[in-house]
Amino acid sequence: MQQKIVVKVSMDGDKKTRKALKIAVSISGVVSASFVGSDKDQIAVTGEGIDSVELTTLLRKKVGYTELVSVGPVEAKKDEPKESKPAVQIDPYQYYYQSYGGVPYYYDYVY
């Protein structure tokens, strides 16, 4: 069963954010990792058989202060049936202007 782990990490620069994401992805069983939260200071890691304690200790050692926010199963997305709108039919010849046999360009003949 897949689980989702959210970890809050104090990251004060680009280098530390890249390092934290690299550490999160390097743990065995991780399927995806992404930044969440309003300040993008939380990392959401999803996968199967992930050790949350190992994740937090690695991030504490290599990045800085880390707080385990939540551990739980992955929520399945519910597909709500959308209202089917009638398809708009477009007449392809509405804006087609046919030329009446004339040449669309003119030559200036100098005799």
N, C-alpha and C. Protein backbone atom coordinates (compact mmCIF):
# COMPACT_ATOMS: atom_id res chain seq x y z
N MET A 1 0.84 -1.18 0.00
CA MET A 1 0.00 0.00 0.00
C MET A 1 0.89 1.24 0.00
N GLN A 2 0.57 2.17 -0.87
CA GLN A 2 1.36 3.39 -0.97
C GLN A 2 1.02 4.34 0.17
N GLN A 3 2.03 5.06 0.59
CA GLN A 3 1.83 6.02 1.66
C GLN A 3 2.40 7.37 1.26
N LYS A 4 1.89 8.40 1.91
CA LYS A 4 2.34 9.75 1.63
C LYS A 4 2.91 10.33 2.92
N ILE A 5 4.14 10.83 2.85
CA ILE A 5 4.82 11.41 3.99
C ILE A 5 5.09 12.87 3.68
N VAL A 6 4.67 13.76 4.58
CA VAL A 6 4.92 15.19 4.41
C VAL A 6 5.91 15.61 5.49
N VAL A 7 7.00 16.24 5.06
CA VAL A 7 8.08 16.65 5.95
C VAL A 7 8.33 18.14 5.75
N LYS A 8 8.40 18.88 6.86
CA LYS A 8 8.71 20.31 6.79
C LYS A 8 10.20 20.48 7.04
N VAL A 9 10.88 21.14 6.08
CA VAL A 9 12.32 21.30 6.15
C VAL A 9 12.65 22.79 6.07
N SER A 10 13.55 23.25 6.92
CA SER A 10 13.99 24.65 6.84
C SER A 10 15.07 24.75 5.77
N MET A 11 14.70 25.32 4.64
CA MET A 11 15.62 25.47 3.52
C MET A 11 15.73 26.95 3.20
N ASP A 12 16.95 27.48 3.27
CA ASP A 12 17.12 28.91 3.06
C ASP A 12 17.79 29.27 1.74
N GLY A 13 17.98 28.32 0.88
CA GLY A 13 18.61 28.62 -0.41
C GLY A 13 18.30 27.56 -1.44
N ASP A 14 18.63 27.87 -2.69
CA ASP A 14 18.38 26.93 -3.78
C ASP A 14 19.20 25.65 -3.61
N LYS A 15 20.42 25.81 -3.13
CA LYS A 15 21.28 24.65 -2.98
C LYS A 15 20.70 23.65 -1.98
N LYS A 16 20.17 24.17 -0.88
CA LYS A 16 19.59 23.28 0.14
C LYS A 16 18.28 22.66 -0.34
N THR A 17 17.49 23.38 -1.14
CA THR A 17 16.24 22.78 -1.64
C THR A 17 16.55 21.64 -2.60
N ARG A 18 17.54 21.83 -3.46
CA ARG A 18 17.91 20.75 -4.38
C ARG A 18 18.48 19.56 -3.62
N LYS A 19 19.27 19.84 -2.60
CA LYS A 19 19.88 18.77 -1.81
C LYS A 19 18.81 17.98 -1.06
N ALA A 20 17.81 18.69 -0.50
CA ALA A 20 16.74 18.02 0.24
C ALA A 20 15.91 17.13 -0.68
N LEU A 21 15.60 17.63 -1.86
CA LEU A 21 14.83 16.82 -2.81
C LEU A 21 15.64 15.62 -3.29
N LYS A 22 16.92 15.79 -3.48
CA LYS A 22 17.78 14.69 -3.91
C LYS A 22 17.84 13.60 -2.84
N ILE A 23 17.90 14.01 -1.57
CA ILE A 23 17.92 13.05 -0.46
C ILE A 23 16.59 12.31 -0.38
N ALA A 24 15.48 13.05 -0.55
CA ALA A 24 14.16 12.43 -0.46
C ALA A 24 13.95 11.40 -1.55
N VAL A 25 14.45 11.66 -2.72
CA VAL A 25 14.27 10.74 -3.84
C VAL A 25 15.20 9.53 -3.73
N SER A 26 16.33 9.70 -3.05
CA SER A 26 17.32 8.62 -2.98
C SER A 26 16.90 7.47 -2.08
N ILE A 27 15.91 7.66 -1.22
CA ILE A 27 15.48 6.59 -0.31
C ILE A 27 14.73 5.52 -1.10
N SER A 28 14.95 4.27 -0.74
CA SER A 28 14.33 3.16 -1.47
C SER A 28 12.82 3.15 -1.27
N GLY A 29 12.10 2.90 -2.33
CA GLY A 29 10.64 2.82 -2.29
C GLY A 29 9.94 4.08 -2.68
N VAL A 30 10.66 5.17 -2.91
CA VAL A 30 10.05 6.46 -3.25
C VAL A 30 9.65 6.46 -4.71
N VAL A 31 8.39 6.82 -4.96
CA VAL A 31 7.88 6.91 -6.33
C VAL A 31 7.96 8.36 -6.81
N SER A 32 7.56 9.31 -5.96
CA SER A 32 7.62 10.71 -6.34
C SER A 32 7.83 11.57 -5.11
N ALA A 33 8.41 12.74 -5.34
CA ALA A 33 8.63 13.72 -4.29
C ALA A 33 8.37 15.10 -4.88
N SER A 34 7.67 15.95 -4.12
CA SER A 34 7.37 17.29 -4.63
C SER A 34 7.27 18.26 -3.47
N PHE A 35 7.42 19.55 -3.80
CA PHE A 35 7.28 20.59 -2.80
C PHE A 35 5.82 20.96 -2.66
N VAL A 36 5.36 21.12 -1.42
CA VAL A 36 3.99 21.53 -1.14
C VAL A 36 4.03 22.62 -0.08
N GLY A 37 2.89 23.22 0.16
CA GLY A 37 2.80 24.26 1.16
C GLY A 37 2.84 25.63 0.51
N SER A 38 2.47 26.63 1.29
CA SER A 38 2.42 27.98 0.75
C SER A 38 3.81 28.54 0.47
N ASP A 39 4.79 28.20 1.30
CA ASP A 39 6.16 28.70 1.10
C ASP A 39 7.05 27.70 0.40
N LYS A 40 6.50 26.59 -0.03
CA LYS A 40 7.26 25.49 -0.65
C LYS A 40 8.36 25.01 0.29
N ASP A 41 8.03 24.97 1.58
CA ASP A 41 9.00 24.52 2.57
C ASP A 41 8.71 23.10 3.05
N GLN A 42 7.72 22.46 2.45
CA GLN A 42 7.38 21.09 2.81
C GLN A 42 7.61 20.18 1.62
N ILE A 43 8.06 18.98 1.90
CA ILE A 43 8.29 17.99 0.85
C ILE A 43 7.31 16.85 1.06
N ALA A 44 6.52 16.53 0.02
CA ALA A 44 5.59 15.40 0.06
C ALA A 44 6.21 14.25 -0.71
N VAL A 45 6.42 13.15 -0.02
CA VAL A 45 7.06 11.97 -0.61
C VAL A 45 6.03 10.85 -0.65
N THR A 46 5.83 10.27 -1.83
CA THR A 46 4.90 9.14 -1.96
C THR A 46 5.67 7.92 -2.42
N GLY A 47 5.24 6.78 -1.92
CA GLY A 47 5.88 5.53 -2.31
C GLY A 47 5.43 4.39 -1.44
N GLU A 48 6.10 3.28 -1.59
CA GLU A 48 5.72 2.07 -0.88
C GLU A 48 6.87 1.62 0.02
N GLY A 49 6.57 1.41 1.29
CA GLY A 49 7.57 0.93 2.23
C GLY A 49 8.63 1.94 2.59
N ILE A 50 8.26 3.21 2.67
CA ILE A 50 9.23 4.26 3.01
C ILE A 50 9.32 4.37 4.53
N ASP A 51 10.54 4.43 5.03
CA ASP A 51 10.75 4.61 6.46
C ASP A 51 10.79 6.11 6.75
N SER A 52 9.76 6.61 7.45
CA SER A 52 9.67 8.05 7.70
C SER A 52 10.75 8.54 8.66
N VAL A 53 11.15 7.70 9.60
CA VAL A 53 12.20 8.09 10.55
C VAL A 53 13.54 8.22 9.83
N GLU A 54 13.81 7.30 8.92
CA GLU A 54 15.05 7.37 8.15
C GLU A 54 15.09 8.63 7.29
N LEU A 55 13.96 8.98 6.70
CA LEU A 55 13.86 10.18 5.87
C LEU A 55 14.15 11.43 6.69
N THR A 56 13.52 11.55 7.84
CA THR A 56 13.71 12.75 8.66
C THR A 56 15.14 12.84 9.22
N THR A 57 15.71 11.72 9.64
CA THR A 57 17.08 11.78 10.17
C THR A 57 18.10 12.14 9.09
N LEU A 58 17.92 11.62 7.89
CA LEU A 58 18.83 11.99 6.80
C LEU A 58 18.72 13.47 6.47
N LEU A 59 17.49 13.98 6.43
CA LEU A 59 17.31 15.40 6.14
C LEU A 59 17.85 16.27 7.26
N ARG A 60 17.74 15.83 8.52
CA ARG A 60 18.27 16.60 9.64
C ARG A 60 19.80 16.65 9.59
N LYS A 61 20.42 15.53 9.23
CA LYS A 61 21.88 15.49 9.19
C LYS A 61 22.46 16.33 8.07
N LYS A 62 21.82 16.28 6.90
CA LYS A 62 22.43 16.88 5.71
C LYS A 62 21.87 18.24 5.32
N VAL A 63 20.65 18.58 5.76
CA VAL A 63 20.05 19.85 5.33
C VAL A 63 19.87 20.81 6.50
N GLY A 64 19.20 20.37 7.54
CA GLY A 64 18.95 21.25 8.67
C GLY A 64 17.73 20.78 9.44
N TYR A 65 17.10 21.72 10.13
CA TYR A 65 15.94 21.39 10.96
C TYR A 65 14.84 20.77 10.10
N THR A 66 14.33 19.62 10.55
CA THR A 66 13.29 18.89 9.83
C THR A 66 12.22 18.44 10.80
N GLU A 67 10.98 18.60 10.37
CA GLU A 67 9.84 18.22 11.21
C GLU A 67 8.91 17.32 10.40
N LEU A 68 8.56 16.18 10.98
CA LEU A 68 7.64 15.25 10.32
C LEU A 68 6.22 15.75 10.53
N VAL A 69 5.53 16.10 9.44
CA VAL A 69 4.20 16.70 9.54
C VAL A 69 3.12 15.63 9.54
N SER A 70 3.14 14.73 8.56
CA SER A 70 2.09 13.70 8.50
C SER A 70 2.57 12.47 7.75
N VAL A 71 1.98 11.34 8.15
CA VAL A 71 2.21 10.07 7.48
C VAL A 71 0.85 9.42 7.31
N GLY A 72 0.52 9.02 6.08
CA GLY A 72 -0.78 8.40 5.84
C GLY A 72 -0.86 7.78 4.47
N PRO A 73 -1.97 7.12 4.19
CA PRO A 73 -2.13 6.49 2.88
C PRO A 73 -2.38 7.56 1.81
N VAL A 74 -2.06 7.18 0.58
CA VAL A 74 -2.28 8.08 -0.55
C VAL A 74 -3.77 8.16 -0.82
N GLU A 75 -4.27 9.38 -0.95
CA GLU A 75 -5.69 9.58 -1.22
C GLU A 75 -5.95 9.40 -2.71
N ALA A 76 -6.94 8.58 -3.03
CA ALA A 76 -7.29 8.37 -4.43
C ALA A 76 -8.10 9.57 -4.92
N LYS A 77 -7.78 10.01 -6.10
CA LYS A 77 -8.50 11.15 -6.66
C LYS A 77 -9.87 10.69 -7.14
N LYS A 78 -10.88 11.45 -6.77
CA LYS A 78 -12.24 11.12 -7.18
C LYS A 78 -12.56 11.88 -8.46
N ASP A 79 -12.96 11.14 -9.45
CA ASP A 79 -13.34 11.77 -10.71
C ASP A 79 -14.83 12.10 -10.67
N GLU A 80 -15.12 13.37 -10.61
CA GLU A 80 -16.52 13.78 -10.62
C GLU A 80 -17.00 13.84 -12.06
N PRO A 81 -18.20 13.35 -12.29
CA PRO A 81 -18.70 13.41 -13.67
C PRO A 81 -18.93 14.86 -14.08
N LYS A 82 -18.36 15.20 -15.18
CA LYS A 82 -18.51 16.56 -15.69
C LYS A 82 -19.76 16.65 -16.53
N GLU A 83 -20.36 17.81 -16.50
CA GLU A 83 -21.54 18.02 -17.34
C GLU A 83 -21.10 18.05 -18.79
N SER A 84 -21.76 17.25 -19.58
CA SER A 84 -21.38 17.21 -20.99
C SER A 84 -22.05 18.37 -21.72
N LYS A 85 -21.23 19.20 -22.26
CA LYS A 85 -21.72 20.34 -23.03
C LYS A 85 -21.88 19.89 -24.47
N PRO A 86 -22.90 20.41 -25.14
CA PRO A 86 -23.04 20.03 -26.55
C PRO A 86 -21.86 20.54 -27.35
N ALA A 87 -21.42 19.71 -28.24
CA ALA A 87 -20.27 20.07 -29.05
C ALA A 87 -20.64 21.22 -29.98
N VAL A 88 -19.79 22.19 -30.03
CA VAL A 88 -20.02 23.33 -30.90
C VAL A 88 -19.57 22.95 -32.30
N GLN A 89 -20.48 23.07 -33.22
CA GLN A 89 -20.14 22.73 -34.58
C GLN A 89 -19.68 23.99 -35.30
N ILE A 90 -18.55 23.87 -35.92
CA ILE A 90 -17.98 25.00 -36.64
C ILE A 90 -18.09 24.71 -38.13
N ASP A 91 -18.62 25.67 -38.85
CA ASP A 91 -18.72 25.54 -40.29
C ASP A 91 -17.38 25.91 -40.89
N PRO A 92 -16.66 24.96 -41.49
CA PRO A 92 -15.32 25.27 -41.99
C PRO A 92 -15.34 26.21 -43.19
N TYR A 93 -16.45 26.34 -43.86
CA TYR A 93 -16.51 27.18 -45.06
C TYR A 93 -17.10 28.55 -44.77
N GLN A 94 -17.31 28.87 -43.52
CA GLN A 94 -17.91 30.14 -43.18
C GLN A 94 -17.01 31.31 -43.57
N TYR A 95 -15.73 31.17 -43.36
CA TYR A 95 -14.81 32.26 -43.65
C TYR A 95 -13.98 31.98 -44.89
N TYR A 96 -14.43 31.10 -45.70
CA TYR A 96 -13.71 30.76 -46.92
C TYR A 96 -14.24 31.62 -48.05
N TYR A 97 -13.37 32.39 -48.64
CA TYR A 97 -13.78 33.26 -49.74
C TYR A 97 -13.20 32.71 -51.02
N GLN A 98 -14.06 32.45 -51.96
CA GLN A 98 -13.62 31.86 -53.21
C GLN A 98 -13.26 32.98 -54.17
N SER A 99 -12.14 32.80 -54.85
CA SER A 99 -11.78 33.79 -55.85
C SER A 99 -12.59 33.51 -57.11
N TYR A 100 -12.83 34.54 -57.87
CA TYR A 100 -13.68 34.41 -59.05
C TYR A 100 -12.85 34.29 -60.32
N GLY A 101 -11.84 33.50 -60.29
CA GLY A 101 -11.06 33.22 -61.49
C GLY A 101 -10.03 34.26 -61.81
N GLY A 102 -10.01 35.34 -61.12
CA GLY A 102 -9.02 36.37 -61.39
C GLY A 102 -7.69 36.02 -60.76
N VAL A 103 -6.66 36.63 -61.27
CA VAL A 103 -5.34 36.40 -60.74
C VAL A 103 -5.21 37.22 -59.45
N PRO A 104 -4.77 36.64 -58.39
CA PRO A 104 -4.72 37.37 -57.13
C PRO A 104 -3.60 38.42 -57.08
N TYR A 105 -2.75 38.46 -58.08
CA TYR A 105 -1.70 39.46 -58.12
C TYR A 105 -1.70 40.08 -59.50
N TYR A 106 -1.12 41.23 -59.62
CA TYR A 106 -1.15 41.99 -60.87
C TYR A 106 0.28 42.22 -61.35
N TYR A 107 0.40 42.16 -62.69
CA TYR A 107 1.69 42.46 -63.30
C TYR A 107 1.62 43.82 -63.92
N ASP A 108 2.67 44.56 -63.79
CA ASP A 108 2.76 45.82 -64.52
C ASP A 108 3.58 45.55 -65.77
N TYR A 109 2.92 45.57 -66.90
CA TYR A 109 3.60 45.32 -68.16
C TYR A 109 4.09 46.64 -68.72
N VAL A 110 5.33 46.71 -68.97
CA VAL A 110 5.91 47.91 -69.57
C VAL A 110 6.27 47.56 -70.99
N TYR A 111 5.70 48.27 -71.95
CA TYR A 111 5.98 48.01 -73.36
C TYR A 111 6.89 49.03 -73.93
